[in-house]
Amino acid sequence: MENVLIFTGVILKEKNGYSALCIDTDVASDGSTAEEAKSSLIEAVNLYIESALESNLPIVRPIPAADNPVLSNDPRIASTFKIHVDLQVHTYA
């Protein structure tokens, strides 16, 4: 059985680069290119999920609807994509 969470990422074109936002976890990142912003966001989401699991905190904490660029059809949206987080169980003694 696969333990994968799938979240939505959004790349926004800014004046001096790109920002990236995971609308399901309220995690954000940025970069000078769209690919750099996307890569940074994927890493940030993975770190957030790892930390949330270790600290017994909620994983899903969506951004408010009023701040969601997808719902507001923000003209800065360069792309949307899916973030797949593989939840692997690691045991150790």
N, C-alpha and C. Protein backbone atom coordinates (compact mmCIF):
# COMPACT_ATOMS: atom_id res chain seq x y z
N MET A 1 0.84 -1.18 0.00
CA MET A 1 0.00 0.00 0.00
C MET A 1 0.88 1.24 0.00
N GLU A 2 0.55 2.20 -0.86
CA GLU A 2 1.31 3.43 -0.96
C GLU A 2 0.79 4.45 0.03
N ASN A 3 1.72 5.10 0.72
CA ASN A 3 1.37 6.17 1.65
C ASN A 3 1.86 7.48 1.05
N VAL A 4 1.04 8.07 0.20
CA VAL A 4 1.43 9.30 -0.48
C VAL A 4 0.36 10.36 -0.24
N LEU A 5 0.81 11.53 0.13
CA LEU A 5 -0.08 12.69 0.23
C LEU A 5 0.15 13.54 -1.01
N ILE A 6 -0.92 14.11 -1.55
CA ILE A 6 -0.82 14.94 -2.74
C ILE A 6 -1.38 16.33 -2.41
N PHE A 7 -0.54 17.33 -2.64
CA PHE A 7 -0.90 18.71 -2.37
C PHE A 7 -0.83 19.52 -3.66
N THR A 8 -1.43 20.71 -3.64
CA THR A 8 -1.41 21.59 -4.81
C THR A 8 -0.41 22.72 -4.59
N GLY A 9 0.48 22.89 -5.57
CA GLY A 9 1.44 23.99 -5.56
C GLY A 9 1.09 24.99 -6.65
N VAL A 10 1.39 26.26 -6.37
CA VAL A 10 1.11 27.34 -7.31
C VAL A 10 2.38 28.17 -7.46
N ILE A 11 2.75 28.45 -8.70
CA ILE A 11 3.88 29.34 -8.99
C ILE A 11 3.30 30.70 -9.41
N LEU A 12 3.77 31.75 -8.75
CA LEU A 12 3.32 33.10 -9.06
C LEU A 12 4.48 33.93 -9.61
N LYS A 13 4.25 34.65 -10.67
CA LYS A 13 5.26 35.54 -11.25
C LYS A 13 5.26 36.84 -10.45
N GLU A 14 6.41 37.17 -9.90
CA GLU A 14 6.57 38.40 -9.14
C GLU A 14 7.41 39.38 -9.96
N LYS A 15 7.60 40.59 -9.47
CA LYS A 15 8.39 41.59 -10.20
C LYS A 15 9.82 41.12 -10.41
N ASN A 16 10.41 40.51 -9.38
CA ASN A 16 11.82 40.10 -9.45
C ASN A 16 11.97 38.61 -9.19
N GLY A 17 11.27 37.78 -9.93
CA GLY A 17 11.40 36.34 -9.75
C GLY A 17 10.05 35.67 -9.62
N TYR A 18 10.05 34.60 -8.86
CA TYR A 18 8.84 33.78 -8.70
C TYR A 18 8.65 33.42 -7.24
N SER A 19 7.40 33.28 -6.83
CA SER A 19 7.09 32.74 -5.52
C SER A 19 6.29 31.46 -5.75
N ALA A 20 6.36 30.58 -4.79
CA ALA A 20 5.64 29.30 -4.88
C ALA A 20 4.89 29.10 -3.57
N LEU A 21 3.70 28.56 -3.66
CA LEU A 21 2.84 28.40 -2.50
C LEU A 21 2.14 27.06 -2.56
N CYS A 22 2.17 26.34 -1.45
CA CYS A 22 1.37 25.12 -1.33
C CYS A 22 0.08 25.54 -0.64
N ILE A 23 -1.03 25.53 -1.36
CA ILE A 23 -2.27 26.04 -0.81
C ILE A 23 -2.89 25.12 0.24
N ASP A 24 -2.40 23.89 0.35
CA ASP A 24 -2.94 22.93 1.31
C ASP A 24 -2.23 22.96 2.65
N THR A 25 -1.01 23.50 2.67
CA THR A 25 -0.22 23.52 3.91
C THR A 25 0.21 24.91 4.32
N ASP A 26 -0.07 25.91 3.51
CA ASP A 26 0.34 27.30 3.76
C ASP A 26 1.85 27.41 3.92
N VAL A 27 2.57 26.67 3.10
CA VAL A 27 4.04 26.74 3.04
C VAL A 27 4.39 27.47 1.75
N ALA A 28 5.37 28.38 1.84
CA ALA A 28 5.75 29.17 0.67
C ALA A 28 7.26 29.19 0.50
N SER A 29 7.67 29.52 -0.70
CA SER A 29 9.09 29.64 -1.03
C SER A 29 9.21 30.59 -2.22
N ASP A 30 10.44 30.84 -2.63
CA ASP A 30 10.62 31.69 -3.81
C ASP A 30 11.88 31.29 -4.55
N GLY A 31 12.10 31.91 -5.69
CA GLY A 31 13.28 31.63 -6.49
C GLY A 31 13.39 32.60 -7.64
N SER A 32 14.55 32.64 -8.25
CA SER A 32 14.75 33.56 -9.37
C SER A 32 14.11 33.02 -10.65
N THR A 33 13.87 31.71 -10.70
CA THR A 33 13.16 31.10 -11.83
C THR A 33 11.98 30.30 -11.29
N ALA A 34 11.05 29.97 -12.17
CA ALA A 34 9.90 29.17 -11.77
C ALA A 34 10.33 27.80 -11.26
N GLU A 35 11.29 27.19 -11.93
CA GLU A 35 11.77 25.87 -11.51
C GLU A 35 12.46 25.92 -10.15
N GLU A 36 13.23 26.98 -9.90
CA GLU A 36 13.89 27.14 -8.60
C GLU A 36 12.86 27.32 -7.49
N ALA A 37 11.83 28.12 -7.74
CA ALA A 37 10.77 28.32 -6.75
C ALA A 37 10.03 27.01 -6.49
N LYS A 38 9.75 26.25 -7.55
CA LYS A 38 9.05 24.97 -7.41
C LYS A 38 9.90 23.98 -6.60
N SER A 39 11.17 23.88 -6.92
CA SER A 39 12.07 22.97 -6.21
C SER A 39 12.18 23.34 -4.73
N SER A 40 12.29 24.63 -4.46
CA SER A 40 12.38 25.10 -3.07
C SER A 40 11.10 24.80 -2.31
N LEU A 41 9.95 24.95 -2.99
CA LEU A 41 8.67 24.66 -2.33
C LEU A 41 8.54 23.18 -2.01
N ILE A 42 8.92 22.33 -2.94
CA ILE A 42 8.83 20.88 -2.69
C ILE A 42 9.67 20.50 -1.49
N GLU A 43 10.87 21.04 -1.39
CA GLU A 43 11.73 20.77 -0.25
C GLU A 43 11.11 21.30 1.04
N ALA A 44 10.56 22.51 1.00
CA ALA A 44 9.94 23.11 2.18
C ALA A 44 8.72 22.32 2.65
N VAL A 45 7.90 21.85 1.71
CA VAL A 45 6.72 21.06 2.07
C VAL A 45 7.15 19.74 2.71
N ASN A 46 8.16 19.10 2.14
CA ASN A 46 8.65 17.84 2.72
C ASN A 46 9.16 18.06 4.14
N LEU A 47 9.90 19.13 4.36
CA LEU A 47 10.40 19.44 5.71
C LEU A 47 9.26 19.76 6.66
N TYR A 48 8.27 20.50 6.19
CA TYR A 48 7.11 20.81 7.01
C TYR A 48 6.37 19.54 7.43
N ILE A 49 6.12 18.63 6.47
CA ILE A 49 5.40 17.38 6.77
C ILE A 49 6.19 16.56 7.78
N GLU A 50 7.50 16.44 7.57
CA GLU A 50 8.35 15.69 8.50
C GLU A 50 8.26 16.28 9.91
N SER A 51 8.36 17.57 10.01
CA SER A 51 8.29 18.25 11.31
C SER A 51 6.91 18.10 11.95
N ALA A 52 5.86 18.23 11.16
CA ALA A 52 4.50 18.09 11.68
C ALA A 52 4.26 16.69 12.22
N LEU A 53 4.73 15.68 11.50
CA LEU A 53 4.56 14.30 11.96
C LEU A 53 5.33 14.04 13.25
N GLU A 54 6.56 14.54 13.32
CA GLU A 54 7.38 14.35 14.52
C GLU A 54 6.80 15.06 15.73
N SER A 55 6.12 16.19 15.49
CA SER A 55 5.59 17.00 16.59
C SER A 55 4.10 16.78 16.83
N ASN A 56 3.52 15.82 16.11
CA ASN A 56 2.10 15.50 16.23
C ASN A 56 1.22 16.73 15.97
N LEU A 57 1.57 17.48 14.93
CA LEU A 57 0.81 18.67 14.53
C LEU A 57 -0.01 18.35 13.28
N PRO A 58 -1.02 19.16 12.99
CA PRO A 58 -1.81 18.91 11.77
C PRO A 58 -0.97 19.04 10.52
N ILE A 59 -1.20 18.17 9.58
CA ILE A 59 -0.47 18.21 8.31
C ILE A 59 -1.16 19.18 7.35
N VAL A 60 -2.45 19.06 7.22
CA VAL A 60 -3.19 19.92 6.31
C VAL A 60 -3.66 21.15 7.08
N ARG A 61 -3.25 22.30 6.59
CA ARG A 61 -3.71 23.59 7.14
C ARG A 61 -3.80 24.56 5.98
N PRO A 62 -4.91 24.45 5.23
CA PRO A 62 -5.04 25.23 4.00
C PRO A 62 -5.05 26.74 4.25
N ILE A 63 -4.60 27.47 3.24
CA ILE A 63 -4.64 28.92 3.35
C ILE A 63 -6.09 29.38 3.31
N PRO A 64 -6.39 30.53 3.88
CA PRO A 64 -7.78 31.04 3.81
C PRO A 64 -8.22 31.24 2.36
N ALA A 65 -9.47 30.99 2.11
CA ALA A 65 -10.01 31.10 0.75
C ALA A 65 -9.74 32.47 0.15
N ALA A 66 -9.81 33.51 0.95
CA ALA A 66 -9.58 34.87 0.45
C ALA A 66 -8.15 35.08 -0.04
N ASP A 67 -7.20 34.28 0.46
CA ASP A 67 -5.79 34.40 0.08
C ASP A 67 -5.37 33.39 -0.98
N ASN A 68 -6.30 32.54 -1.40
CA ASN A 68 -5.98 31.48 -2.36
C ASN A 68 -5.93 32.06 -3.78
N PRO A 69 -4.73 32.08 -4.40
CA PRO A 69 -4.63 32.67 -5.75
C PRO A 69 -5.40 31.90 -6.81
N VAL A 70 -5.62 30.61 -6.60
CA VAL A 70 -6.37 29.81 -7.57
C VAL A 70 -7.85 30.21 -7.55
N LEU A 71 -8.39 30.37 -6.35
CA LEU A 71 -9.81 30.73 -6.24
C LEU A 71 -10.08 32.15 -6.72
N SER A 72 -9.09 33.03 -6.57
CA SER A 72 -9.28 34.42 -6.99
C SER A 72 -8.83 34.67 -8.43
N ASN A 73 -8.40 33.60 -9.12
CA ASN A 73 -7.90 33.74 -10.50
C ASN A 73 -6.83 34.82 -10.62
N ASP A 74 -5.87 34.77 -9.69
CA ASP A 74 -4.78 35.74 -9.65
C ASP A 74 -4.06 35.75 -11.00
N PRO A 75 -3.91 36.91 -11.62
CA PRO A 75 -3.25 36.97 -12.93
C PRO A 75 -1.75 36.65 -12.87
N ARG A 76 -1.17 36.61 -11.67
CA ARG A 76 0.25 36.28 -11.54
C ARG A 76 0.53 34.79 -11.62
N ILE A 77 -0.50 33.95 -11.65
CA ILE A 77 -0.30 32.50 -11.67
C ILE A 77 0.44 32.11 -12.95
N ALA A 78 1.62 31.54 -12.78
CA ALA A 78 2.41 31.05 -13.91
C ALA A 78 2.10 29.58 -14.18
N SER A 79 1.85 28.82 -13.10
CA SER A 79 1.49 27.41 -13.25
C SER A 79 1.01 26.85 -11.93
N THR A 80 0.34 25.72 -12.02
CA THR A 80 -0.03 24.94 -10.84
C THR A 80 0.52 23.53 -11.05
N PHE A 81 0.76 22.84 -9.95
CA PHE A 81 1.32 21.50 -10.05
C PHE A 81 0.96 20.72 -8.79
N LYS A 82 1.12 19.41 -8.86
CA LYS A 82 0.86 18.54 -7.72
C LYS A 82 2.18 18.20 -7.03
N ILE A 83 2.16 18.24 -5.71
CA ILE A 83 3.31 17.86 -4.89
C ILE A 83 2.98 16.52 -4.26
N HIS A 84 3.78 15.51 -4.55
CA HIS A 84 3.59 14.17 -3.99
C HIS A 84 4.58 13.96 -2.86
N VAL A 85 4.05 13.69 -1.66
CA VAL A 85 4.90 13.45 -0.50
C VAL A 85 4.75 11.99 -0.10
N ASP A 86 5.83 11.25 -0.20
CA ASP A 86 5.85 9.84 0.15
C ASP A 86 6.09 9.71 1.65
N LEU A 87 5.15 9.13 2.35
CA LEU A 87 5.26 8.96 3.80
C LEU A 87 5.87 7.59 4.08
N GLN A 88 7.16 7.54 4.19
CA GLN A 88 7.86 6.29 4.48
C GLN A 88 8.02 6.15 5.98
N VAL A 89 7.84 4.94 6.47
CA VAL A 89 8.01 4.68 7.88
C VAL A 89 9.44 4.20 8.11
N HIS A 90 10.13 4.90 8.97
CA HIS A 90 11.49 4.53 9.33
C HIS A 90 11.51 4.09 10.78
N THR A 91 12.06 2.92 11.02
CA THR A 91 12.18 2.44 12.40
C THR A 91 13.65 2.28 12.75
N TYR A 92 13.94 2.51 14.00
CA TYR A 92 15.32 2.38 14.47
C TYR A 92 15.31 2.15 15.98
N ALA A 93 16.42 1.67 16.49
CA ALA A 93 16.53 1.41 17.93
C ALA A 93 17.78 2.08 18.47
